[in-house]
Amino acid sequence: MKVLQLCVGMVATNCYIVFDEQSREAVVIDPGDSAPSILHAVDEEKLTVKYVLLTHAHFDHILAAHEVLEKTGAQYVVPEADTWLLKRENMGQFRALARSYVQDTPDILATEGTQITFGGLTATYMNTPGHTPGSSVIQIEDCLFTGDTLFRHECGRCDLEGGDFSVMLRSLKRLHDLEGDYKVLPGHEGISTLSEERVANPYMLQAVGKR
């Protein structure tokens, strides 16, 4: 498995391209903006994009989805509880920033345990609400693509429509309690590990009663 990380858009969203090195089949996770950059990376690696996966449906994670879907023929996988956020009118204060946005209909509605297979890899959805109702962590092998649930030493904001801090804490506890260690690849800023977050993330520590 190989992971490419691209920082895209006006709020520096992390878009990830994950692919099986033998089959060259890939998924694009959170195409937040800059479709040409994403598609260039796909072409450079000679990949076949099978799916576009969303961790959640806030505007800064979906602005390039239409063009990537159109150019690759990929299927669109969206957390079921976040489909309402695909509508421009539900982008609230961010609607003016999404003038070029084109809404697409999901091919697959992801819920807890949804599995997406590409090449020899499997992406598994874990529902981790708090930032949005449908916020999810996508596990692929030893990597957790955490969207805006878990950041390095931080967590996603819970003050937007659909957010709930008490629910976020339950999601962070769930991640804390996973067995073993994982790489943490968040929706913004730098990568981390679950073992680091268990000892250094104040919100995760609060979630497990250690702060």
C-alpha atoms as a PDB file:
ATOM      1  CA  MET A   1       0.000   0.000   0.000  1.00  0.00           C
ATOM      2  CA  LYS A   2       1.176   3.508  -0.819  1.00  0.00           C
ATOM      3  CA  VAL A   3      -0.307   6.782   0.418  1.00  0.00           C
ATOM      4  CA  LEU A   4       0.054  10.161  -1.277  1.00  0.00           C
ATOM      5  CA  GLN A   5      -0.847  13.255   0.735  1.00  0.00           C
ATOM      6  CA  LEU A   6      -1.867  16.490  -0.965  1.00  0.00           C
ATOM      7  CA  CYS A   7      -2.677  19.702   0.875  1.00  0.00           C
ATOM      8  CA  VAL A   8      -5.493  21.396  -1.046  1.00  0.00           C
ATOM      9  CA  GLY A   9      -7.848  24.337  -0.859  1.00  0.00           C
ATOM     10  CA  MET A  10      -8.263  27.511   1.125  1.00  0.00           C
ATOM     11  CA  VAL A  11      -8.157  25.847   4.548  1.00  0.00           C
ATOM     12  CA  ALA A  12      -5.332  23.407   3.784  1.00  0.00           C
ATOM     13  CA  THR A  13      -7.306  20.185   3.710  1.00  0.00           C
ATOM     14  CA  ASN A  14      -5.406  16.920   3.474  1.00  0.00           C
ATOM     15  CA  CYS A  15      -6.495  14.857   0.483  1.00  0.00           C
ATOM     16  CA  TYR A  16      -5.108  11.328   0.385  1.00  0.00           C
ATOM     17  CA  ILE A  17      -4.638   9.016  -2.576  1.00  0.00           C
ATOM     18  CA  VAL A  18      -4.254   5.430  -1.406  1.00  0.00           C
ATOM     19  CA  PHE A  19      -3.354   2.698  -3.836  1.00  0.00           C
ATOM     20  CA  ASP A  20      -2.373  -0.918  -4.205  1.00  0.00           C
ATOM     21  CA  GLU A  21       1.072  -0.905  -5.790  1.00  0.00           C
ATOM     22  CA  GLN A  22       0.521  -4.111  -7.767  1.00  0.00           C
ATOM     23  CA  SER A  23      -2.892  -3.448  -9.334  1.00  0.00           C
ATOM     24  CA  ARG A  24      -2.516   0.378  -9.302  1.00  0.00           C
ATOM     25  CA  GLU A  25      -6.136   0.580  -8.145  1.00  0.00           C
ATOM     26  CA  ALA A  26      -6.747   3.566  -5.888  1.00  0.00           C
ATOM     27  CA  VAL A  27      -9.145   5.549  -3.751  1.00  0.00           C
ATOM     28  CA  VAL A  28      -9.158   9.313  -3.281  1.00  0.00           C
ATOM     29  CA  ILE A  29     -10.069  10.346   0.260  1.00  0.00           C
ATOM     30  CA  ASP A  30     -11.533  13.834   0.811  1.00  0.00           C
ATOM     31  CA  PRO A  31     -10.932  15.673  -2.498  1.00  0.00           C
ATOM     32  CA  GLY A  32     -11.263  19.076  -0.870  1.00  0.00           C
ATOM     33  CA  ASP A  33     -10.234  21.252  -3.817  1.00  0.00           C
ATOM     34  CA  SER A  34      -7.615  21.571  -6.571  1.00  0.00           C
ATOM     35  CA  ALA A  35      -8.911  18.788  -8.804  1.00  0.00           C
ATOM     36  CA  PRO A  36      -6.098  19.359 -11.351  1.00  0.00           C
ATOM     37  CA  SER A  37      -3.474  18.619  -8.678  1.00  0.00           C
ATOM     38  CA  ILE A  38      -5.284  15.466  -7.586  1.00  0.00           C
ATOM     39  CA  LEU A  39      -5.749  14.244 -11.142  1.00  0.00           C
ATOM     40  CA  HIS A  40      -2.130  15.030 -11.999  1.00  0.00           C
ATOM     41  CA  ALA A  41      -0.955  12.858  -9.110  1.00  0.00           C
ATOM     42  CA  VAL A  42      -3.261  10.074 -10.298  1.00  0.00           C
ATOM     43  CA  ASP A  43      -1.865  10.319 -13.830  1.00  0.00           C
ATOM     44  CA  GLU A  44       1.747  10.472 -12.639  1.00  0.00           C
ATOM     45  CA  GLU A  45       1.317   7.192 -10.756  1.00  0.00           C
ATOM     46  CA  LYS A  46      -0.748   5.637 -13.578  1.00  0.00           C
ATOM     47  CA  LEU A  47      -3.594   4.807 -11.204  1.00  0.00           C
ATOM     48  CA  THR A  48      -7.152   3.648 -11.732  1.00  0.00           C
ATOM     49  CA  VAL A  49      -9.329   5.434  -9.191  1.00  0.00           C
ATOM     50  CA  LYS A  50     -12.124   3.092  -8.176  1.00  0.00           C
ATOM     51  CA  TYR A  51     -13.722   5.167  -5.409  1.00  0.00           C
ATOM     52  CA  VAL A  52     -13.849   8.641  -3.941  1.00  0.00           C
ATOM     53  CA  LEU A  53     -14.287   8.275  -0.187  1.00  0.00           C
ATOM     54  CA  LEU A  54     -15.453  11.010   2.181  1.00  0.00           C
ATOM     55  CA  THR A  55     -14.706  11.046   5.890  1.00  0.00           C
ATOM     56  CA  HIS A  56     -17.479  13.637   6.152  1.00  0.00           C
ATOM     57  CA  ALA A  57     -19.199  16.081   3.829  1.00  0.00           C
ATOM     58  CA  HIS A  58     -18.110  19.571   4.881  1.00  0.00           C
ATOM     59  CA  PHE A  59     -17.393  21.886   1.949  1.00  0.00           C
ATOM     60  CA  ASP A  60     -13.620  21.833   2.371  1.00  0.00           C
ATOM     61  CA  HIS A  61     -13.555  18.053   1.864  1.00  0.00           C
ATOM     62  CA  ILE A  62     -15.763  17.850  -1.248  1.00  0.00           C
ATOM     63  CA  LEU A  63     -15.133  20.786  -3.602  1.00  0.00           C
ATOM     64  CA  ALA A  64     -13.096  18.731  -6.094  1.00  0.00           C
ATOM     65  CA  ALA A  65     -15.285  15.629  -5.865  1.00  0.00           C
ATOM     66  CA  HIS A  66     -17.336  16.342  -8.993  1.00  0.00           C
ATOM     67  CA  GLU A  67     -14.365  16.799 -11.307  1.00  0.00           C
ATOM     68  CA  VAL A  68     -12.477  13.817  -9.882  1.00  0.00           C
ATOM     69  CA  LEU A  69     -15.567  11.606 -10.229  1.00  0.00           C
ATOM     70  CA  GLU A  70     -16.228  12.862 -13.744  1.00  0.00           C
ATOM     71  CA  LYS A  71     -12.646  12.366 -14.962  1.00  0.00           C
ATOM     72  CA  THR A  72     -12.025   8.980 -13.319  1.00  0.00           C
ATOM     73  CA  GLY A  73     -15.440   7.297 -13.416  1.00  0.00           C
ATOM     74  CA  ALA A  74     -15.006   6.418  -9.741  1.00  0.00           C
ATOM     75  CA  GLN A  75     -17.878   5.599  -7.406  1.00  0.00           C
ATOM     76  CA  TYR A  76     -18.771   8.124  -4.715  1.00  0.00           C
ATOM     77  CA  VAL A  77     -18.878   6.881  -1.128  1.00  0.00           C
ATOM     78  CA  VAL A  78     -20.458   9.270   1.388  1.00  0.00           C
ATOM     79  CA  PRO A  79     -21.339   8.729   5.059  1.00  0.00           C
ATOM     80  CA  GLU A  80     -25.100   8.287   5.106  1.00  0.00           C
ATOM     81  CA  ALA A  81     -25.693  10.691   7.992  1.00  0.00           C
ATOM     82  CA  ASP A  82     -23.873  13.490   6.134  1.00  0.00           C
ATOM     83  CA  THR A  83     -25.729  13.439   2.812  1.00  0.00           C
ATOM     84  CA  TRP A  84     -27.613  16.613   3.805  1.00  0.00           C
ATOM     85  CA  LEU A  85     -24.280  18.465   3.825  1.00  0.00           C
ATOM     86  CA  LEU A  86     -23.798  17.792   0.112  1.00  0.00           C
ATOM     87  CA  LYS A  87     -26.383  20.473  -0.641  1.00  0.00           C
ATOM     88  CA  ARG A  88     -24.993  23.954  -1.178  1.00  0.00           C
ATOM     89  CA  GLU A  89     -27.809  25.496   0.858  1.00  0.00           C
ATOM     90  CA  ASN A  90     -26.629  23.516   3.904  1.00  0.00           C
ATOM     91  CA  MET A  91     -23.080  24.890   3.765  1.00  0.00           C
ATOM     92  CA  GLY A  92     -24.157  27.815   5.939  1.00  0.00           C
ATOM     93  CA  GLN A  93     -21.502  30.503   6.355  1.00  0.00           C
ATOM     94  CA  PHE A  94     -19.242  28.669   3.864  1.00  0.00           C
ATOM     95  CA  ARG A  95     -21.710  28.717   0.964  1.00  0.00           C
ATOM     96  CA  ALA A  96     -20.084  31.767  -0.623  1.00  0.00           C
ATOM     97  CA  LEU A  97     -16.756  29.919  -0.740  1.00  0.00           C
ATOM     98  CA  ALA A  98     -18.215  27.103  -2.829  1.00  0.00           C
ATOM     99  CA  ARG A  99     -19.398  28.942  -5.948  1.00  0.00           C
ATOM    100  CA  SER A 100     -17.939  26.316  -8.291  1.00  0.00           C
ATOM    101  CA  TYR A 101     -19.340  23.369  -6.351  1.00  0.00           C
ATOM    102  CA  VAL A 102     -21.369  20.769  -8.261  1.00  0.00           C
ATOM    103  CA  GLN A 103     -23.383  18.298  -6.198  1.00  0.00           C
ATOM    104  CA  ASP A 104     -23.151  14.600  -7.032  1.00  0.00           C
ATOM    105  CA  THR A 105     -25.360  11.723  -5.934  1.00  0.00           C
ATOM    106  CA  PRO A 106     -23.546   9.122  -3.832  1.00  0.00           C
ATOM    107  CA  ASP A 107     -23.192   5.623  -5.256  1.00  0.00           C
ATOM    108  CA  ILE A 108     -22.662   4.087  -1.813  1.00  0.00           C
ATOM    109  CA  LEU A 109     -23.910   5.364   1.540  1.00  0.00           C
ATOM    110  CA  ALA A 110     -21.388   4.389   4.186  1.00  0.00           C
ATOM    111  CA  THR A 111     -22.408   3.370   7.684  1.00  0.00           C
ATOM    112  CA  GLU A 112     -20.612   1.600  10.518  1.00  0.00           C
ATOM    113  CA  GLY A 113     -18.645  -1.322   9.098  1.00  0.00           C
ATOM    114  CA  THR A 114     -19.058  -0.479   5.401  1.00  0.00           C
ATOM    115  CA  GLN A 115     -16.153  -2.032   3.501  1.00  0.00           C
ATOM    116  CA  ILE A 116     -14.766  -0.834   0.180  1.00  0.00           C
ATOM    117  CA  THR A 117     -12.342  -3.113  -1.670  1.00  0.00           C
ATOM    118  CA  PHE A 118      -9.838  -1.909  -4.283  1.00  0.00           C
ATOM    119  CA  GLY A 119      -6.928  -3.954  -5.541  1.00  0.00           C
ATOM    120  CA  GLY A 120      -5.819  -6.081  -2.610  1.00  0.00           C
ATOM    121  CA  LEU A 121      -6.841  -3.460  -0.049  1.00  0.00           C
ATOM    122  CA  THR A 122      -9.973  -2.915   2.037  1.00  0.00           C
ATOM    123  CA  ALA A 123     -11.181   0.394   3.476  1.00  0.00           C
ATOM    124  CA  THR A 124     -13.447   0.010   6.503  1.00  0.00           C
ATOM    125  CA  TYR A 125     -15.687   2.797   7.797  1.00  0.00           C
ATOM    126  CA  MET A 126     -15.967   3.514  11.513  1.00  0.00           C
ATOM    127  CA  ASN A 127     -18.706   6.002  12.423  1.00  0.00           C
ATOM    128  CA  THR A 128     -17.160   8.599  14.751  1.00  0.00           C
ATOM    129  CA  PRO A 129     -19.693  11.439  15.054  1.00  0.00           C
ATOM    130  CA  GLY A 130     -19.131  14.682  16.893  1.00  0.00           C
ATOM    131  CA  HIS A 131     -17.763  16.987  14.213  1.00  0.00           C
ATOM    132  CA  THR A 132     -20.724  16.044  12.001  1.00  0.00           C
ATOM    133  CA  PRO A 133     -23.321  13.276  12.457  1.00  0.00           C
ATOM    134  CA  GLY A 134     -21.719  11.178   9.726  1.00  0.00           C
ATOM    135  CA  SER A 135     -18.078  11.860  10.532  1.00  0.00           C
ATOM    136  CA  SER A 136     -16.105   8.690  10.032  1.00  0.00           C
ATOM    137  CA  VAL A 137     -12.645   7.255  10.383  1.00  0.00           C
ATOM    138  CA  ILE A 138     -11.556   5.111   7.454  1.00  0.00           C
ATOM    139  CA  GLN A 139      -9.185   2.281   8.322  1.00  0.00           C
ATOM    140  CA  ILE A 140      -6.924   0.854   5.631  1.00  0.00           C
ATOM    141  CA  GLU A 141      -4.352  -1.601   6.960  1.00  0.00           C
ATOM    142  CA  ASP A 142      -2.365   0.205   9.690  1.00  0.00           C
ATOM    143  CA  CYS A 143      -3.633   3.684   8.756  1.00  0.00           C
ATOM    144  CA  LEU A 144      -6.548   5.621  10.206  1.00  0.00           C
ATOM    145  CA  PHE A 145      -7.792   8.422   7.960  1.00  0.00           C
ATOM    146  CA  THR A 146      -9.466  10.445  10.675  1.00  0.00           C
ATOM    147  CA  GLY A 147     -10.971  13.376   8.781  1.00  0.00           C
ATOM    148  CA  ASP A 148     -11.922  16.111  11.237  1.00  0.00           C
ATOM    149  CA  THR A 149     -12.505  13.774  14.159  1.00  0.00           C
ATOM    150  CA  LEU A 150      -8.934  13.413  15.375  1.00  0.00           C
ATOM    151  CA  PHE A 151      -6.042  15.770  14.663  1.00  0.00           C
ATOM    152  CA  ARG A 152      -2.519  15.731  16.036  1.00  0.00           C
ATOM    153  CA  HIS A 153      -3.025  16.777  19.675  1.00  0.00           C
ATOM    154  CA  GLU A 154      -6.450  18.196  18.785  1.00  0.00           C
ATOM    155  CA  CYS A 155      -9.946  17.247  17.666  1.00  0.00           C
ATOM    156  CA  GLY A 156     -12.390  18.737  15.187  1.00  0.00           C
ATOM    157  CA  ARG A 157     -14.609  21.675  16.068  1.00  0.00           C
ATOM    158  CA  CYS A 158     -18.082  20.864  17.332  1.00  0.00           C
ATOM    159  CA  ASP A 159     -19.762  24.267  17.103  1.00  0.00           C
ATOM    160  CA  LEU A 160     -21.092  23.941  13.541  1.00  0.00           C
ATOM    161  CA  GLU A 161     -24.552  22.581  12.730  1.00  0.00           C
ATOM    162  CA  GLY A 162     -24.655  18.877  13.517  1.00  0.00           C
ATOM    163  CA  GLY A 163     -21.669  19.037  15.853  1.00  0.00           C
ATOM    164  CA  ASP A 164     -21.788  17.788  19.447  1.00  0.00           C
ATOM    165  CA  PHE A 165     -18.806  17.820  21.809  1.00  0.00           C
ATOM    166  CA  SER A 166     -20.177  15.147  24.141  1.00  0.00           C
ATOM    167  CA  VAL A 167     -20.600  12.854  21.152  1.00  0.00           C
ATOM    168  CA  MET A 168     -17.082  13.751  19.999  1.00  0.00           C
ATOM    169  CA  LEU A 169     -15.690  12.612  23.337  1.00  0.00           C
ATOM    170  CA  ARG A 170     -17.355   9.221  22.909  1.00  0.00           C
ATOM    171  CA  SER A 171     -15.803   8.907  19.457  1.00  0.00           C
ATOM    172  CA  LEU A 172     -12.372   9.830  20.793  1.00  0.00           C
ATOM    173  CA  LYS A 173     -12.723   7.231  23.538  1.00  0.00           C
ATOM    174  CA  ARG A 174     -13.563   4.630  20.912  1.00  0.00           C
ATOM    175  CA  LEU A 175     -10.385   5.462  19.015  1.00  0.00           C
ATOM    176  CA  HIS A 176      -8.333   5.481  22.214  1.00  0.00           C
ATOM    177  CA  ASP A 177      -9.593   1.996  23.051  1.00  0.00           C
ATOM    178  CA  LEU A 178      -8.663   0.396  19.725  1.00  0.00           C
ATOM    179  CA  GLU A 179      -6.165  -2.396  20.148  1.00  0.00           C
ATOM    180  CA  GLY A 180      -2.643  -1.764  18.948  1.00  0.00           C
ATOM    181  CA  ASP A 181      -1.191   1.251  17.230  1.00  0.00           C
ATOM    182  CA  TYR A 182      -2.052   2.993  13.969  1.00  0.00           C
ATOM    183  CA  LYS A 183      -0.790   5.859  11.865  1.00  0.00           C
ATOM    184  CA  VAL A 184      -3.173   8.807  12.180  1.00  0.00           C
ATOM    185  CA  LEU A 185      -3.684  10.716   8.928  1.00  0.00           C
ATOM    186  CA  PRO A 186      -6.035  13.622   9.700  1.00  0.00           C
ATOM    187  CA  GLY A 187      -8.044  15.983   7.545  1.00  0.00           C
ATOM    188  CA  HIS A 188      -5.803  18.937   8.396  1.00  0.00           C
ATOM    189  CA  GLU A 189      -2.251  19.534   9.593  1.00  0.00           C
ATOM    190  CA  GLY A 190       0.364  16.905  10.378  1.00  0.00           C
ATOM    191  CA  ILE A 191       0.207  13.157  10.788  1.00  0.00           C
ATOM    192  CA  SER A 192       0.553  11.360  14.098  1.00  0.00           C
ATOM    193  CA  THR A 193       0.130   7.948  15.663  1.00  0.00           C
ATOM    194  CA  LEU A 194      -2.588   6.633  17.898  1.00  0.00           C
ATOM    195  CA  SER A 195      -0.039   5.850  20.605  1.00  0.00           C
ATOM    196  CA  GLU A 196       1.073   9.503  20.591  1.00  0.00           C
ATOM    197  CA  GLU A 197      -2.507  10.753  20.761  1.00  0.00           C
ATOM    198  CA  ARG A 198      -3.294   8.469  23.700  1.00  0.00           C
ATOM    199  CA  VAL A 199      -0.732  10.323  25.812  1.00  0.00           C
ATOM    200  CA  ALA A 200      -0.598  13.817  24.273  1.00  0.00           C
ATOM    201  CA  ASN A 201      -4.076  14.708  23.028  1.00  0.00           C
ATOM    202  CA  PRO A 202      -5.931  16.646  25.758  1.00  0.00           C
ATOM    203  CA  TYR A 203      -9.350  15.875  24.274  1.00  0.00           C
ATOM    204  CA  MET A 204      -8.643  12.160  24.072  1.00  0.00           C
ATOM    205  CA  LEU A 205      -7.386  12.247  27.646  1.00  0.00           C
ATOM    206  CA  GLN A 206     -10.583  14.040  28.681  1.00  0.00           C
ATOM    207  CA  ALA A 207     -12.598  11.393  26.843  1.00  0.00           C
ATOM    208  CA  VAL A 208     -11.067   8.607  28.945  1.00  0.00           C
ATOM    209  CA  GLY A 209     -11.231  10.523  32.227  1.00  0.00           C
ATOM    210  CA  LYS A 210      -7.527  11.302  32.537  1.00  0.00           C
ATOM    211  CA  ARG A 211      -7.889  15.084  32.349  1.00  0.00           C
END
